[in-house]
C-alpha atoms as a PDB file:
ATOM      1  CA  MET A   1     163.036  93.534  -6.317  1.00  0.00           C
ATOM      2  CA  GLY A   2     165.534  94.739  -3.854  1.00  0.00           C
ATOM      3  CA  SER A   3     168.728  94.295  -5.730  1.00  0.00           C
ATOM      4  CA  MET A   4     169.705  95.899  -9.072  1.00  0.00           C
ATOM      5  CA  SER A   5     170.121  93.279 -12.020  1.00  0.00           C
ATOM      6  CA  ILE A   6     172.514  93.782 -14.890  1.00  0.00           C
ATOM      7  CA  TRP A   7     169.760  94.956 -17.041  1.00  0.00           C
ATOM      8  CA  HIS A   8     169.146  97.897 -14.829  1.00  0.00           C
ATOM      9  CA  TRP A   9     172.743  98.944 -15.021  1.00  0.00           C
ATOM     10  CA  ILE A  10     172.775  98.580 -18.837  1.00  0.00           C
ATOM     11  CA  ILE A  11     169.838 100.751 -19.100  1.00  0.00           C
ATOM     12  CA  VAL A  12     171.276 103.412 -16.681  1.00  0.00           C
ATOM     13  CA  ALA A  13     174.621 103.258 -18.645  1.00  0.00           C
ATOM     14  CA  GLY A  14     172.651 103.727 -21.982  1.00  0.00           C
ATOM     15  CA  ILE A  15     170.614 106.898 -20.533  1.00  0.00           C
ATOM     16  CA  VAL A  16     173.885 108.357 -19.194  1.00  0.00           C
ATOM     17  CA  MET A  17     175.475 107.826 -22.639  1.00  0.00           C
ATOM     18  CA  LEU A  18     172.625 109.365 -24.376  1.00  0.00           C
ATOM     19  CA  LEU A  19     172.506 112.489 -22.135  1.00  0.00           C
ATOM     20  CA  PHE A  20     176.370 113.116 -22.201  1.00  0.00           C
ATOM     21  CA  GLY A  21     177.605 111.414 -25.140  1.00  0.00           C
ATOM     22  CA  ARG A  22     181.093 109.908 -25.616  1.00  0.00           C
ATOM     23  CA  GLY A  23     182.906 113.236 -26.247  1.00  0.00           C
ATOM     24  CA  LYS A  24     181.759 114.908 -23.123  1.00  0.00           C
ATOM     25  CA  ILE A  25     182.585 111.913 -20.873  1.00  0.00           C
ATOM     26  CA  SER A  26     186.101 111.558 -22.445  1.00  0.00           C
ATOM     27  CA  ASP A  27     186.474 115.395 -22.024  1.00  0.00           C
ATOM     28  CA  LEU A  28     185.411 115.177 -18.306  1.00  0.00           C
ATOM     29  CA  MET A  29     187.873 112.287 -17.713  1.00  0.00           C
ATOM     30  CA  GLY A  30     190.582 114.207 -19.283  1.00  0.00           C
ATOM     31  CA  ASP A  31     189.923 117.219 -17.161  1.00  0.00           C
ATOM     32  CA  VAL A  32     189.999 114.999 -14.021  1.00  0.00           C
ATOM     33  CA  ALA A  33     193.379 113.665 -15.053  1.00  0.00           C
ATOM     34  CA  LYS A  34     194.648 117.191 -15.698  1.00  0.00           C
ATOM     35  CA  GLY A  35     193.500 118.093 -12.170  1.00  0.00           C
ATOM     36  CA  ILE A  36     195.028 115.168 -10.530  1.00  0.00           C
ATOM     37  CA  LYS A  37     198.325 115.944 -12.305  1.00  0.00           C
ATOM     38  CA  ALA A  38     198.230 119.542 -11.222  1.00  0.00           C
ATOM     39  CA  PHE A  39     197.531 118.512  -7.615  1.00  0.00           C
ATOM     40  CA  LYS A  40     200.466 116.053  -7.550  1.00  0.00           C
ATOM     41  CA  LYS A  41     202.701 118.754  -9.048  1.00  0.00           C
ATOM     42  CA  GLY A  42     201.687 121.364  -6.447  1.00  0.00           C
ATOM     43  CA  MET A  43     202.163 118.858  -3.606  1.00  0.00           C
ATOM     44  CA  ALA A  44     205.648 118.139  -4.878  1.00  0.00           C
ATOM     45  CA  GLU A  45     206.561 121.829  -5.180  1.00  0.00           C
ATOM     46  CA  ASP A  46     205.184 122.334  -1.638  1.00  0.00           C
ATOM     47  CA  GLU A  47     207.621 119.641  -0.267  1.00  0.00           C
ATOM     48  CA  THR A  48     210.752 121.341  -2.112  1.00  0.00           C
ATOM     49  CA  THR A  49     209.969 124.872  -1.041  1.00  0.00           C
ATOM     50  CA  THR A  50     209.673 124.757   2.752  1.00  0.00           C
ATOM     51  CA  THR A  51     210.409 128.017   4.622  1.00  0.00           C
ATOM     52  CA  ALA A  52     212.909 127.762   7.471  1.00  0.00           C
ATOM     53  CA  VAL A  53     212.379 129.824  10.530  1.00  0.00           C
ATOM     54  CA  PRO A  54     215.585 131.711  11.493  1.00  0.00           C
ATOM     55  CA  PRO A  55     216.918 131.112  14.894  1.00  0.00           C
ATOM     56  CA  PRO A  56     216.641 134.079  17.343  1.00  0.00           C
ATOM     57  CA  SER A  57     219.594 136.261  17.582  1.00  0.00           C
ATOM     58  CA  ALA A  58     221.888 135.837  20.653  1.00  0.00           C
ATOM     59  CA  GLY A  59     220.836 139.218  22.273  1.00  0.00           C
ATOM     60  CA  GLU A  60     217.131 138.536  21.786  1.00  0.00           C
ATOM     61  CA  PRO A  61     215.406 136.426  24.516  1.00  0.00           C
ATOM     62  CA  VAL A  62     213.299 133.433  23.387  1.00  0.00           C
ATOM     63  CA  ARG A  63     209.510 134.154  24.099  1.00  0.00           C
ATOM     64  CA  THR A  64     207.114 131.303  24.868  1.00  0.00           C
ATOM     65  CA  LEU A  65     203.583 131.290  25.358  1.00  0.00           C
ATOM     66  CA  PRO A  66     202.192 130.279  28.905  1.00  0.00           C
ATOM     67  CA  HIS A  67     200.456 126.976  29.036  1.00  0.00           C
ATOM     68  CA  GLN A  68     196.740 126.854  29.538  1.00  0.00           C
ATOM     69  CA  GLY A  69     195.838 127.429  33.007  1.00  0.00           C
ATOM     70  CA  GLU A  70     199.280 128.943  33.904  1.00  0.00           C
ATOM     71  CA  PRO A  71     199.172 132.590  34.857  1.00  0.00           C
ATOM     72  CA  ALA A  72     201.344 134.838  32.656  1.00  0.00           C
ATOM     73  CA  THR A  73     204.274 136.403  34.714  1.00  0.00           C
ATOM     74  CA  ALA A  74     205.166 140.127  34.656  1.00  0.00           C
ATOM     75  CA  ASN A  75     208.346 139.294  32.603  1.00  0.00           C
ATOM     76  CA  THR A  76     206.437 137.645  29.708  1.00  0.00           C
ATOM     77  CA  VAL A  77     203.833 140.281  29.709  1.00  0.00           C
ATOM     78  CA  ALA A  78     206.516 143.030  29.597  1.00  0.00           C
ATOM     79  CA  ALA A  79     208.243 141.190  26.798  1.00  0.00           C
ATOM     80  CA  ASP A  80     205.094 141.088  24.770  1.00  0.00           C
ATOM     81  CA  ARG A  81     204.396 144.637  25.041  1.00  0.00           C
ATOM     82  CA  LYS A  82     208.108 145.659  24.047  1.00  0.00           C
ATOM     83  CA  VAL A  83     207.999 147.736  20.846  1.00  0.00           C
ATOM     84  CA  VAL A  84     210.541 146.481  18.333  1.00  0.00           C
END
């Protein structure tokens, strides 16, 4: 009683086929395949088009964020407020 026999699965598959039909199920599988292909194509495009961060110019100081718990110094606060 606790396990499903093969007859249970055949009846369930028959009801699903009656409700959806062969055409709808095959269309659904085709749409899933198209979605997977589009996803793979998008992932491949993301790998080829990476944006590089330009290095800072020689005259501009490199600004870093203070670590958690580390107080900000007056120099970093002044550099953060500098209007470019």
